[in-house]
């Protein structure tokens, strides 16, 4: 839990930044899906 560690090992880690972008995009997409489809149908499909 040091700023230098977080900066060098986390923020500058390309894989972790890709992960953050993908997870944010997936959650924004999920919000759109929740608005468009019945929850009882789409939520169980997340088990894929």
ModelCIF file with pLDDT and N, C-alpha, C, O atoms, coordinates in Angstrom:
data_MODEL
#
_entry.id   MODEL 
#
_entity.id                         1 
_entity.type                       polymer 
_entity.pdbx_number_of_molecules   1 
#
_entity_poly.entity_id                      1 
_entity_poly.type                           'polypeptide(L)' 
_entity_poly.nstd_linkage                   no 
_entity_poly.nstd_monomer                   no 
_entity_poly.pdbx_seq_one_letter_code       
;(UNK)(UNK)(UNK)(UNK)(UNK)(UNK)(UNK)(UNK)(UNK)(UNK)(UNK)(UNK)(UNK)(UNK)(UNK)(UNK)
(UNK)(UNK)(UNK)(UNK)(UNK)(UNK)(UNK)(UNK)(UNK)(UNK)(UNK)(UNK)(UNK)(UNK)(UNK)(UNK)
(UNK)(UNK)(UNK)(UNK)(UNK)(UNK)(UNK)(UNK)(UNK)(UNK)(UNK)(UNK)(UNK)(UNK)(UNK)(UNK)
;
_entity_poly.pdbx_seq_one_letter_code_can   XXXXXXXXXXXXXXXXXXXXXXXXXXXXXXXXXXXXXXXXXXXXXXXX 
_entity_poly.pdbx_strand_id                 A 
#
loop_
_entity_poly_seq.entity_id 
_entity_poly_seq.num 
_entity_poly_seq.mon_id 
_entity_poly_seq.hetero 
1 1  UNK n 
1 2  UNK n 
1 3  UNK n 
1 4  UNK n 
1 5  UNK n 
1 6  UNK n 
1 7  UNK n 
1 8  UNK n 
1 9  UNK n 
1 10 UNK n 
1 11 UNK n 
1 12 UNK n 
1 13 UNK n 
1 14 UNK n 
1 15 UNK n 
1 16 UNK n 
1 17 UNK n 
1 18 UNK n 
1 19 UNK n 
1 20 UNK n 
1 21 UNK n 
1 22 UNK n 
1 23 UNK n 
1 24 UNK n 
1 25 UNK n 
1 26 UNK n 
1 27 UNK n 
1 28 UNK n 
1 29 UNK n 
1 30 UNK n 
1 31 UNK n 
1 32 UNK n 
1 33 UNK n 
1 34 UNK n 
1 35 UNK n 
1 36 UNK n 
1 37 UNK n 
1 38 UNK n 
1 39 UNK n 
1 40 UNK n 
1 41 UNK n 
1 42 UNK n 
1 43 UNK n 
1 44 UNK n 
1 45 UNK n 
1 46 UNK n 
1 47 UNK n 
1 48 UNK n 
#
_struct_asym.id          A 
_struct_asym.entity_id   1 
#
loop_
_ma_qa_metric.id 
_ma_qa_metric.mode 
_ma_qa_metric.name 
_ma_qa_metric.software_group_id 
_ma_qa_metric.type 
1 global pLDDT . pLDDT 
2 local  pLDDT . pLDDT 
#
_ma_qa_metric_global.metric_id      1 
_ma_qa_metric_global.metric_value   90.71 
_ma_qa_metric_global.model_id       1 
_ma_qa_metric_global.ordinal_id     1 
#
loop_
_ma_qa_metric_local.label_asym_id 
_ma_qa_metric_local.label_comp_id 
_ma_qa_metric_local.label_seq_id 
_ma_qa_metric_local.metric_id 
_ma_qa_metric_local.metric_value 
_ma_qa_metric_local.model_id 
_ma_qa_metric_local.ordinal_id 
A UNK 1  2 87.00 1 1  
A UNK 2  2 85.00 1 2  
A UNK 3  2 85.00 1 3  
A UNK 4  2 84.00 1 4  
A UNK 5  2 85.00 1 5  
A UNK 6  2 83.00 1 6  
A UNK 7  2 85.00 1 7  
A UNK 8  2 83.00 1 8  
A UNK 9  2 84.00 1 9  
A UNK 10 2 83.00 1 10 
A UNK 11 2 86.00 1 11 
A UNK 12 2 86.00 1 12 
A UNK 13 2 89.00 1 13 
A UNK 14 2 91.00 1 14 
A UNK 15 2 94.00 1 15 
A UNK 16 2 93.00 1 16 
A UNK 17 2 94.00 1 17 
A UNK 18 2 96.00 1 18 
A UNK 19 2 96.00 1 19 
A UNK 20 2 95.00 1 20 
A UNK 21 2 97.00 1 21 
A UNK 22 2 97.00 1 22 
A UNK 23 2 97.00 1 23 
A UNK 24 2 97.00 1 24 
A UNK 25 2 98.00 1 25 
A UNK 26 2 97.00 1 26 
A UNK 27 2 97.00 1 27 
A UNK 28 2 97.00 1 28 
A UNK 29 2 97.00 1 29 
A UNK 30 2 96.00 1 30 
A UNK 31 2 97.00 1 31 
A UNK 32 2 97.00 1 32 
A UNK 33 2 96.00 1 33 
A UNK 34 2 95.00 1 34 
A UNK 35 2 96.00 1 35 
A UNK 36 2 95.00 1 36 
A UNK 37 2 93.00 1 37 
A UNK 38 2 91.00 1 38 
A UNK 39 2 90.00 1 39 
A UNK 40 2 85.00 1 40 
A UNK 41 2 85.00 1 41 
A UNK 42 2 87.00 1 42 
A UNK 43 2 87.00 1 43 
A UNK 44 2 84.00 1 44 
A UNK 45 2 84.00 1 45 
A UNK 46 2 87.00 1 46 
A UNK 47 2 85.00 1 47 
A UNK 48 2 86.00 1 48 
#
loop_
_atom_site.group_PDB 
_atom_site.id 
_atom_site.type_symbol 
_atom_site.label_atom_id 
_atom_site.label_alt_id 
_atom_site.label_comp_id 
_atom_site.label_asym_id 
_atom_site.label_entity_id 
_atom_site.label_seq_id 
_atom_site.pdbx_PDB_ins_code 
_atom_site.Cartn_x 
_atom_site.Cartn_y 
_atom_site.Cartn_z 
_atom_site.occupancy 
_atom_site.B_iso_or_equiv 
_atom_site.pdbx_formal_charge 
_atom_site.auth_seq_id 
_atom_site.auth_comp_id 
_atom_site.auth_asym_id 
_atom_site.auth_atom_id 
_atom_site.pdbx_PDB_model_num 
ATOM 1   N N  . UNK A 1 1  ? 0.841   -1.191  0.000   1.00 87.00 ? 1  UNK A N  1 
ATOM 2   C CA . UNK A 1 1  ? 0.000   0.000   0.000   1.00 87.00 ? 1  UNK A CA 1 
ATOM 3   C C  . UNK A 1 1  ? 0.884   1.251   0.000   1.00 87.00 ? 1  UNK A C  1 
ATOM 4   O O  . UNK A 1 1  ? 0.841   2.061   0.926   1.00 87.00 ? 1  UNK A O  1 
ATOM 5   N N  . UNK A 1 2  ? 1.685   1.388   -1.060  1.00 85.00 ? 2  UNK A N  1 
ATOM 6   C CA . UNK A 1 2  ? 2.558   2.546   -1.233  1.00 85.00 ? 2  UNK A CA 1 
ATOM 7   C C  . UNK A 1 2  ? 2.257   3.164   -2.592  1.00 85.00 ? 2  UNK A C  1 
ATOM 8   O O  . UNK A 1 2  ? 2.002   2.458   -3.568  1.00 85.00 ? 2  UNK A O  1 
ATOM 9   N N  . UNK A 1 3  ? 2.289   4.486   -2.638  1.00 85.00 ? 3  UNK A N  1 
ATOM 10  C CA . UNK A 1 3  ? 1.981   5.170   -3.888  1.00 85.00 ? 3  UNK A CA 1 
ATOM 11  C C  . UNK A 1 3  ? 2.940   4.737   -5.003  1.00 85.00 ? 3  UNK A C  1 
ATOM 12  O O  . UNK A 1 3  ? 2.505   4.517   -6.133  1.00 85.00 ? 3  UNK A O  1 
ATOM 13  N N  . UNK A 1 4  ? 4.228   4.612   -4.703  1.00 84.00 ? 4  UNK A N  1 
ATOM 14  C CA . UNK A 1 4  ? 5.190   4.227   -5.742  1.00 84.00 ? 4  UNK A CA 1 
ATOM 15  C C  . UNK A 1 4  ? 4.875   2.836   -6.296  1.00 84.00 ? 4  UNK A C  1 
ATOM 16  O O  . UNK A 1 4  ? 4.997   2.601   -7.499  1.00 84.00 ? 4  UNK A O  1 
ATOM 17  N N  . UNK A 1 5  ? 4.471   1.921   -5.421  1.00 85.00 ? 5  UNK A N  1 
ATOM 18  C CA . UNK A 1 5  ? 4.097   0.575   -5.867  1.00 85.00 ? 5  UNK A CA 1 
ATOM 19  C C  . UNK A 1 5  ? 2.850   0.639   -6.747  1.00 85.00 ? 5  UNK A C  1 
ATOM 20  O O  . UNK A 1 5  ? 2.811   0.054   -7.829  1.00 85.00 ? 5  UNK A O  1 
ATOM 21  N N  . UNK A 1 6  ? 1.841   1.352   -6.274  1.00 83.00 ? 6  UNK A N  1 
ATOM 22  C CA . UNK A 1 6  ? 0.586   1.447   -7.043  1.00 83.00 ? 6  UNK A CA 1 
ATOM 23  C C  . UNK A 1 6  ? 0.851   2.080   -8.400  1.00 83.00 ? 6  UNK A C  1 
ATOM 24  O O  . UNK A 1 6  ? 0.310   1.630   -9.410  1.00 83.00 ? 6  UNK A O  1 
ATOM 25  N N  . UNK A 1 7  ? 1.676   3.116   -8.433  1.00 85.00 ? 7  UNK A N  1 
ATOM 26  C CA . UNK A 1 7  ? 1.966   3.776   -9.703  1.00 85.00 ? 7  UNK A CA 1 
ATOM 27  C C  . UNK A 1 7  ? 2.722   2.838   -10.655 1.00 85.00 ? 7  UNK A C  1 
ATOM 28  O O  . UNK A 1 7  ? 2.300   2.654   -11.796 1.00 85.00 ? 7  UNK A O  1 
ATOM 29  N N  . UNK A 1 8  ? 3.808   2.257   -10.209 1.00 83.00 ? 8  UNK A N  1 
ATOM 30  C CA . UNK A 1 8  ? 4.651   1.460   -11.092 1.00 83.00 ? 8  UNK A CA 1 
ATOM 31  C C  . UNK A 1 8  ? 4.088   0.072   -11.396 1.00 83.00 ? 8  UNK A C  1 
ATOM 32  O O  . UNK A 1 8  ? 4.200   -0.412  -12.523 1.00 83.00 ? 8  UNK A O  1 
ATOM 33  N N  . UNK A 1 9  ? 3.493   -0.556  -10.410 1.00 84.00 ? 9  UNK A N  1 
ATOM 34  C CA . UNK A 1 9  ? 3.052   -1.944  -10.595 1.00 84.00 ? 9  UNK A CA 1 
ATOM 35  C C  . UNK A 1 9  ? 1.600   -2.075  -11.038 1.00 84.00 ? 9  UNK A C  1 
ATOM 36  O O  . UNK A 1 9  ? 1.231   -3.068  -11.665 1.00 84.00 ? 9  UNK A O  1 
ATOM 37  N N  . UNK A 1 10 ? 0.779   -1.087  -10.720 1.00 83.00 ? 10 UNK A N  1 
ATOM 38  C CA . UNK A 1 10 ? -0.642  -1.184  -11.048 1.00 83.00 ? 10 UNK A CA 1 
ATOM 39  C C  . UNK A 1 10 ? -1.003  -0.268  -12.210 1.00 83.00 ? 10 UNK A C  1 
ATOM 40  O O  . UNK A 1 10 ? -1.453  -0.741  -13.254 1.00 83.00 ? 10 UNK A O  1 
ATOM 41  N N  . UNK A 1 11 ? -0.815  1.017   -12.045 1.00 86.00 ? 11 UNK A N  1 
ATOM 42  C CA . UNK A 1 11 ? -1.265  1.973   -13.056 1.00 86.00 ? 11 UNK A CA 1 
ATOM 43  C C  . UNK A 1 11 ? -0.488  1.825   -14.357 1.00 86.00 ? 11 UNK A C  1 
ATOM 44  O O  . UNK A 1 11 ? -1.065  1.979   -15.434 1.00 86.00 ? 11 UNK A O  1 
ATOM 45  N N  . UNK A 1 12 ? 0.783   1.536   -14.284 1.00 86.00 ? 12 UNK A N  1 
ATOM 46  C CA . UNK A 1 12 ? 1.585   1.391   -15.500 1.00 86.00 ? 12 UNK A CA 1 
ATOM 47  C C  . UNK A 1 12 ? 1.573   -0.036  -16.057 1.00 86.00 ? 12 UNK A C  1 
ATOM 48  O O  . UNK A 1 12 ? 2.287   -0.331  -17.016 1.00 86.00 ? 12 UNK A O  1 
ATOM 49  N N  . UNK A 1 13 ? 0.780   -0.908  -15.471 1.00 89.00 ? 13 UNK A N  1 
ATOM 50  C CA . UNK A 1 13 ? 0.670   -2.293  -15.929 1.00 89.00 ? 13 UNK A CA 1 
ATOM 51  C C  . UNK A 1 13 ? -0.390  -2.359  -17.036 1.00 89.00 ? 13 UNK A C  1 
ATOM 52  O O  . UNK A 1 13 ? -1.581  -2.184  -16.779 1.00 89.00 ? 13 UNK A O  1 
ATOM 53  N N  . UNK A 1 14 ? 0.056   -2.611  -18.252 1.00 91.00 ? 14 UNK A N  1 
ATOM 54  C CA . UNK A 1 14 ? -0.853  -2.600  -19.406 1.00 91.00 ? 14 UNK A CA 1 
ATOM 55  C C  . UNK A 1 14 ? -1.983  -3.622  -19.270 1.00 91.00 ? 14 UNK A C  1 
ATOM 56  O O  . UNK A 1 14 ? -3.123  -3.332  -19.633 1.00 91.00 ? 14 UNK A O  1 
ATOM 57  N N  . UNK A 1 15 ? -1.679  -4.808  -18.752 1.00 94.00 ? 15 UNK A N  1 
ATOM 58  C CA . UNK A 1 15 ? -2.719  -5.826  -18.582 1.00 94.00 ? 15 UNK A CA 1 
ATOM 59  C C  . UNK A 1 15 ? -3.783  -5.357  -17.603 1.00 94.00 ? 15 UNK A C  1 
ATOM 60  O O  . UNK A 1 15 ? -4.976  -5.553  -17.837 1.00 94.00 ? 15 UNK A O  1 
ATOM 61  N N  . UNK A 1 16 ? -3.355  -4.736  -16.506 1.00 93.00 ? 16 UNK A N  1 
ATOM 62  C CA . UNK A 1 16 ? -4.329  -4.265  -15.514 1.00 93.00 ? 16 UNK A CA 1 
ATOM 63  C C  . UNK A 1 16 ? -5.172  -3.125  -16.067 1.00 93.00 ? 16 UNK A C  1 
ATOM 64  O O  . UNK A 1 16 ? -6.366  -3.048  -15.777 1.00 93.00 ? 16 UNK A O  1 
ATOM 65  N N  . UNK A 1 17 ? -4.584  -2.251  -16.847 1.00 94.00 ? 17 UNK A N  1 
ATOM 66  C CA . UNK A 1 17 ? -5.355  -1.159  -17.445 1.00 94.00 ? 17 UNK A CA 1 
ATOM 67  C C  . UNK A 1 17 ? -6.348  -1.699  -18.478 1.00 94.00 ? 17 UNK A C  1 
ATOM 68  O O  . UNK A 1 17 ? -7.472  -1.209  -18.581 1.00 94.00 ? 17 UNK A O  1 
ATOM 69  N N  . UNK A 1 18 ? -5.925  -2.710  -19.238 1.00 96.00 ? 18 UNK A N  1 
ATOM 70  C CA . UNK A 1 18 ? -6.854  -3.354  -20.171 1.00 96.00 ? 18 UNK A CA 1 
ATOM 71  C C  . UNK A 1 18 ? -8.005  -3.993  -19.397 1.00 96.00 ? 18 UNK A C  1 
ATOM 72  O O  . UNK A 1 18 ? -9.163  -3.901  -19.807 1.00 96.00 ? 18 UNK A O  1 
ATOM 73  N N  . UNK A 1 19 ? -7.683  -4.637  -18.283 1.00 96.00 ? 19 UNK A N  1 
ATOM 74  C CA . UNK A 1 19 ? -8.718  -5.249  -17.448 1.00 96.00 ? 19 UNK A CA 1 
ATOM 75  C C  . UNK A 1 19 ? -9.716  -4.201  -16.972 1.00 96.00 ? 19 UNK A C  1 
ATOM 76  O O  . UNK A 1 19 ? -10.925 -4.419  -17.046 1.00 96.00 ? 19 UNK A O  1 
ATOM 77  N N  . UNK A 1 20 ? -9.226  -3.077  -16.488 1.00 95.00 ? 20 UNK A N  1 
ATOM 78  C CA . UNK A 1 20 ? -10.112 -2.005  -16.003 1.00 95.00 ? 20 UNK A CA 1 
ATOM 79  C C  . UNK A 1 20 ? -11.018 -1.522  -17.131 1.00 95.00 ? 20 UNK A C  1 
ATOM 80  O O  . UNK A 1 20 ? -12.223 -1.366  -16.932 1.00 95.00 ? 20 UNK A O  1 
ATOM 81  N N  . UNK A 1 21 ? -10.452 -1.284  -18.307 1.00 97.00 ? 21 UNK A N  1 
ATOM 82  C CA . UNK A 1 21 ? -11.253 -0.808  -19.436 1.00 97.00 ? 21 UNK A CA 1 
ATOM 83  C C  . UNK A 1 21 ? -12.316 -1.828  -19.851 1.00 97.00 ? 21 UNK A C  1 
ATOM 84  O O  . UNK A 1 21 ? -13.468 -1.472  -20.096 1.00 97.00 ? 21 UNK A O  1 
ATOM 85  N N  . UNK A 1 22 ? -11.917 -3.091  -19.927 1.00 97.00 ? 22 UNK A N  1 
ATOM 86  C CA . UNK A 1 22 ? -12.885 -4.131  -20.302 1.00 97.00 ? 22 UNK A CA 1 
ATOM 87  C C  . UNK A 1 22 ? -13.998 -4.271  -19.269 1.00 97.00 ? 22 UNK A C  1 
ATOM 88  O O  . UNK A 1 22 ? -15.165 -4.429  -19.627 1.00 97.00 ? 22 UNK A O  1 
ATOM 89  N N  . UNK A 1 23 ? -13.639 -4.214  -17.998 1.00 97.00 ? 23 UNK A N  1 
ATOM 90  C CA . UNK A 1 23 ? -14.651 -4.379  -16.953 1.00 97.00 ? 23 UNK A CA 1 
ATOM 91  C C  . UNK A 1 23 ? -15.587 -3.172  -16.883 1.00 97.00 ? 23 UNK A C  1 
ATOM 92  O O  . UNK A 1 23 ? -16.781 -3.335  -16.629 1.00 97.00 ? 23 UNK A O  1 
ATOM 93  N N  . UNK A 1 24 ? -15.069 -1.979  -17.101 1.00 97.00 ? 24 UNK A N  1 
ATOM 94  C CA . UNK A 1 24 ? -15.937 -0.794  -17.157 1.00 97.00 ? 24 UNK A CA 1 
ATOM 95  C C  . UNK A 1 24 ? -16.874 -0.891  -18.355 1.00 97.00 ? 24 UNK A C  1 
ATOM 96  O O  . UNK A 1 24 ? -18.078 -0.666  -18.226 1.00 97.00 ? 24 UNK A O  1 
ATOM 97  N N  . UNK A 1 25 ? -16.322 -1.228  -19.524 1.00 98.00 ? 25 UNK A N  1 
ATOM 98  C CA . UNK A 1 25 ? -17.146 -1.351  -20.730 1.00 98.00 ? 25 UNK A CA 1 
ATOM 99  C C  . UNK A 1 25 ? -18.205 -2.432  -20.559 1.00 98.00 ? 25 UNK A C  1 
ATOM 100 O O  . UNK A 1 25 ? -19.352 -2.242  -20.964 1.00 98.00 ? 25 UNK A O  1 
ATOM 101 N N  . UNK A 1 26 ? -17.838 -3.559  -19.968 1.00 97.00 ? 26 UNK A N  1 
ATOM 102 C CA . UNK A 1 26 ? -18.799 -4.648  -19.757 1.00 97.00 ? 26 UNK A CA 1 
ATOM 103 C C  . UNK A 1 26 ? -19.922 -4.205  -18.827 1.00 97.00 ? 26 UNK A C  1 
ATOM 104 O O  . UNK A 1 26 ? -21.079 -4.566  -19.041 1.00 97.00 ? 26 UNK A O  1 
ATOM 105 N N  . UNK A 1 27 ? -19.597 -3.433  -17.803 1.00 97.00 ? 27 UNK A N  1 
ATOM 106 C CA . UNK A 1 27 ? -20.634 -2.973  -16.876 1.00 97.00 ? 27 UNK A CA 1 
ATOM 107 C C  . UNK A 1 27 ? -21.524 -1.909  -17.498 1.00 97.00 ? 27 UNK A C  1 
ATOM 108 O O  . UNK A 1 27 ? -22.723 -1.880  -17.219 1.00 97.00 ? 27 UNK A O  1 
ATOM 109 N N  . UNK A 1 28 ? -20.977 -1.042  -18.325 1.00 97.00 ? 28 UNK A N  1 
ATOM 110 C CA . UNK A 1 28 ? -21.812 -0.070  -19.044 1.00 97.00 ? 28 UNK A CA 1 
ATOM 111 C C  . UNK A 1 28 ? -22.748 -0.799  -20.013 1.00 97.00 ? 28 UNK A C  1 
ATOM 112 O O  . UNK A 1 28 ? -23.925 -0.458  -20.139 1.00 97.00 ? 28 UNK A O  1 
ATOM 113 N N  . UNK A 1 29 ? -22.202 -1.800  -20.688 1.00 97.00 ? 29 UNK A N  1 
ATOM 114 C CA . UNK A 1 29 ? -23.009 -2.612  -21.599 1.00 97.00 ? 29 UNK A CA 1 
ATOM 115 C C  . UNK A 1 29 ? -24.101 -3.353  -20.824 1.00 97.00 ? 29 UNK A C  1 
ATOM 116 O O  . UNK A 1 29 ? -25.233 -3.463  -21.296 1.00 97.00 ? 29 UNK A O  1 
ATOM 117 N N  . UNK A 1 30 ? -23.763 -3.859  -19.640 1.00 96.00 ? 30 UNK A N  1 
ATOM 118 C CA . UNK A 1 30 ? -24.727 -4.541  -18.783 1.00 96.00 ? 30 UNK A CA 1 
ATOM 119 C C  . UNK A 1 30 ? -25.861 -3.601  -18.403 1.00 96.00 ? 30 UNK A C  1 
ATOM 120 O O  . UNK A 1 30 ? -27.023 -4.008  -18.388 1.00 96.00 ? 30 UNK A O  1 
ATOM 121 N N  . UNK A 1 31 ? -25.540 -2.355  -18.098 1.00 97.00 ? 31 UNK A N  1 
ATOM 122 C CA . UNK A 1 31 ? -26.582 -1.380  -17.745 1.00 97.00 ? 31 UNK A CA 1 
ATOM 123 C C  . UNK A 1 31 ? -27.537 -1.181  -18.920 1.00 97.00 ? 31 UNK A C  1 
ATOM 124 O O  . UNK A 1 31 ? -28.748 -1.072  -18.724 1.00 97.00 ? 31 UNK A O  1 
ATOM 125 N N  . UNK A 1 32 ? -27.006 -1.134  -20.124 1.00 97.00 ? 32 UNK A N  1 
ATOM 126 C CA . UNK A 1 32 ? -27.841 -0.990  -21.314 1.00 97.00 ? 32 UNK A CA 1 
ATOM 127 C C  . UNK A 1 32 ? -28.724 -2.233  -21.493 1.00 97.00 ? 32 UNK A C  1 
ATOM 128 O O  . UNK A 1 32 ? -29.907 -2.118  -21.814 1.00 97.00 ? 32 UNK A O  1 
ATOM 129 N N  . UNK A 1 33 ? -28.145 -3.415  -21.284 1.00 96.00 ? 33 UNK A N  1 
ATOM 130 C CA . UNK A 1 33 ? -28.914 -4.659  -21.395 1.00 96.00 ? 33 UNK A CA 1 
ATOM 131 C C  . UNK A 1 33 ? -30.041 -4.710  -20.358 1.00 96.00 ? 33 UNK A C  1 
ATOM 132 O O  . UNK A 1 33 ? -31.149 -5.153  -20.658 1.00 96.00 ? 33 UNK A O  1 
ATOM 133 N N  . UNK A 1 34 ? -29.748 -4.257  -19.143 1.00 95.00 ? 34 UNK A N  1 
ATOM 134 C CA . UNK A 1 34 ? -30.781 -4.238  -18.092 1.00 95.00 ? 34 UNK A CA 1 
ATOM 135 C C  . UNK A 1 34 ? -31.963 -3.360  -18.484 1.00 95.00 ? 34 UNK A C  1 
ATOM 136 O O  . UNK A 1 34 ? -33.109 -3.655  -18.142 1.00 95.00 ? 34 UNK A O  1 
ATOM 137 N N  . UNK A 1 35 ? -31.680 -2.295  -19.191 1.00 96.00 ? 35 UNK A N  1 
ATOM 138 C CA . UNK A 1 35 ? -32.743 -1.396  -19.627 1.00 96.00 ? 35 UNK A CA 1 
ATOM 139 C C  . UNK A 1 35 ? -33.561 -1.996  -20.764 1.00 96.00 ? 35 UNK A C  1 
ATOM 140 O O  . UNK A 1 35 ? -34.743 -1.688  -20.916 1.00 96.00 ? 35 UNK A O  1 
ATOM 141 N N  . UNK A 1 36 ? -32.937 -2.841  -21.553 1.00 95.00 ? 36 UNK A N  1 
ATOM 142 C CA . UNK A 1 36 ? -33.566 -3.350  -22.778 1.00 95.00 ? 36 UNK A CA 1 
ATOM 143 C C  . UNK A 1 36 ? -34.298 -4.683  -22.612 1.00 95.00 ? 36 UNK A C  1 
ATOM 144 O O  . UNK A 1 36 ? -35.304 -4.918  -23.281 1.00 95.00 ? 36 UNK A O  1 
ATOM 145 N N  . UNK A 1 37 ? -33.804 -5.563  -21.726 1.00 93.00 ? 37 UNK A N  1 
ATOM 146 C CA . UNK A 1 37 ? -34.343 -6.922  -21.623 1.00 93.00 ? 37 UNK A CA 1 
ATOM 147 C C  . UNK A 1 37 ? -34.817 -7.227  -20.206 1.00 93.00 ? 37 UNK A C  1 
ATOM 148 O O  . UNK A 1 37 ? -34.386 -6.578  -19.253 1.00 93.00 ? 37 UNK A O  1 
ATOM 149 N N  . UNK A 1 38 ? -35.712 -8.224  -20.064 1.00 91.00 ? 38 UNK A N  1 
ATOM 150 C CA . UNK A 1 38 ? -36.170 -8.617  -18.735 1.00 91.00 ? 38 UNK A CA 1 
ATOM 151 C C  . UNK A 1 38 ? -35.021 -9.194  -17.891 1.00 91.00 ? 38 UNK A C  1 
ATOM 152 O O  . UNK A 1 38 ? -34.262 -10.047 -18.351 1.00 91.00 ? 38 UNK A O  1 
ATOM 153 N N  . UNK A 1 39 ? -34.917 -8.717  -16.671 1.00 90.00 ? 39 UNK A N  1 
ATOM 154 C CA . UNK A 1 39 ? -33.881 -9.156  -15.746 1.00 90.00 ? 39 UNK A CA 1 
ATOM 155 C C  . UNK A 1 39 ? -33.916 -10.669 -15.546 1.00 90.00 ? 39 UNK A C  1 
ATOM 156 O O  . UNK A 1 39 ? -32.872 -11.318 -15.471 1.00 90.00 ? 39 UNK A O  1 
ATOM 157 N N  . UNK A 1 40 ? -35.110 -11.217 -15.461 1.00 85.00 ? 40 UNK A N  1 
ATOM 158 C CA . UNK A 1 40 ? -35.253 -12.653 -15.199 1.00 85.00 ? 40 UNK A CA 1 
ATOM 159 C C  . UNK A 1 40 ? -34.724 -13.514 -16.340 1.00 85.00 ? 40 UNK A C  1 
ATOM 160 O O  . UNK A 1 40 ? -34.475 -14.704 -16.149 1.00 85.00 ? 40 UNK A O  1 
ATOM 161 N N  . UNK A 1 41 ? -34.550 -12.931 -17.518 1.00 85.00 ? 41 UNK A N  1 
ATOM 162 C CA . UNK A 1 41 ? -34.004 -13.676 -18.639 1.00 85.00 ? 41 UNK A CA 1 
ATOM 163 C C  . UNK A 1 41 ? -32.504 -13.438 -18.816 1.00 85.00 ? 41 UNK A C  1 
ATOM 164 O O  . UNK A 1 41 ? -31.754 -14.372 -19.100 1.00 85.00 ? 41 UNK A O  1 
ATOM 165 N N  . UNK A 1 42 ? -32.069 -12.187 -18.649 1.00 87.00 ? 42 UNK A N  1 
ATOM 166 C CA . UNK A 1 42 ? -30.662 -11.931 -18.941 1.00 87.00 ? 42 UNK A CA 1 
ATOM 167 C C  . UNK A 1 42 ? -29.730 -12.256 -17.777 1.00 87.00 ? 42 UNK A C  1 
ATOM 168 O O  . UNK A 1 42 ? -28.597 -12.683 -18.001 1.00 87.00 ? 42 UNK A O  1 
ATOM 169 N N  . UNK A 1 43 ? -30.183 -12.065 -16.543 1.00 87.00 ? 43 UNK A N  1 
ATOM 170 C CA . UNK A 1 43 ? -29.266 -12.303 -15.433 1.00 87.00 ? 43 UNK A CA 1 
ATOM 171 C C  . UNK A 1 43 ? -28.800 -13.767 -15.369 1.00 87.00 ? 43 UNK A C  1 
ATOM 172 O O  . UNK A 1 43 ? -27.607 -14.007 -15.183 1.00 87.00 ? 43 UNK A O  1 
ATOM 173 N N  . UNK A 1 44 ? -29.682 -14.733 -15.513 1.00 84.00 ? 44 UNK A N  1 
ATOM 174 C CA . UNK A 1 44 ? -29.199 -16.120 -15.484 1.00 84.00 ? 44 UNK A CA 1 
ATOM 175 C C  . UNK A 1 44 ? -28.202 -16.436 -16.596 1.00 84.00 ? 44 UNK A C  1 
ATOM 176 O O  . UNK A 1 44 ? -27.372 -17.332 -16.441 1.00 84.00 ? 44 UNK A O  1 
ATOM 177 N N  . UNK A 1 45 ? -28.272 -15.719 -17.706 1.00 84.00 ? 45 UNK A N  1 
ATOM 178 C CA . UNK A 1 45 ? -27.340 -15.963 -18.801 1.00 84.00 ? 45 UNK A CA 1 
ATOM 179 C C  . UNK A 1 45 ? -25.925 -15.511 -18.464 1.00 84.00 ? 45 UNK A C  1 
ATOM 180 O O  . UNK A 1 45 ? -24.980 -15.879 -19.161 1.00 84.00 ? 45 UNK A O  1 
ATOM 181 N N  . UNK A 1 46 ? -25.763 -14.719 -17.407 1.00 87.00 ? 46 UNK A N  1 
ATOM 182 C CA . UNK A 1 46 ? -24.409 -14.341 -16.986 1.00 87.00 ? 46 UNK A CA 1 
ATOM 183 C C  . UNK A 1 46 ? -23.635 -15.563 -16.495 1.00 87.00 ? 46 UNK A C  1 
ATOM 184 O O  . UNK A 1 46 ? -22.409 -15.524 -16.390 1.00 87.00 ? 46 UNK A O  1 
ATOM 185 N N  . UNK A 1 47 ? -24.351 -16.645 -16.195 1.00 85.00 ? 47 UNK A N  1 
ATOM 186 C CA . UNK A 1 47 ? -23.655 -17.864 -15.762 1.00 85.00 ? 47 UNK A CA 1 
ATOM 187 C C  . UNK A 1 47 ? -22.818 -18.460 -16.883 1.00 85.00 ? 47 UNK A C  1 
ATOM 188 O O  . UNK A 1 47 ? -22.013 -19.359 -16.639 1.00 85.00 ? 47 UNK A O  1 
ATOM 189 N N  . UNK A 1 48 ? -22.996 -17.975 -18.106 1.00 86.00 ? 48 UNK A N  1 
ATOM 190 C CA . UNK A 1 48 ? -22.114 -18.401 -19.192 1.00 86.00 ? 48 UNK A CA 1 
ATOM 191 C C  . UNK A 1 48 ? -20.668 -18.004 -18.895 1.00 86.00 ? 48 UNK A C  1 
ATOM 192 O O  . UNK A 1 48 ? -19.776 -18.279 -19.697 1.00 86.00 ? 48 UNK A O  1 
#
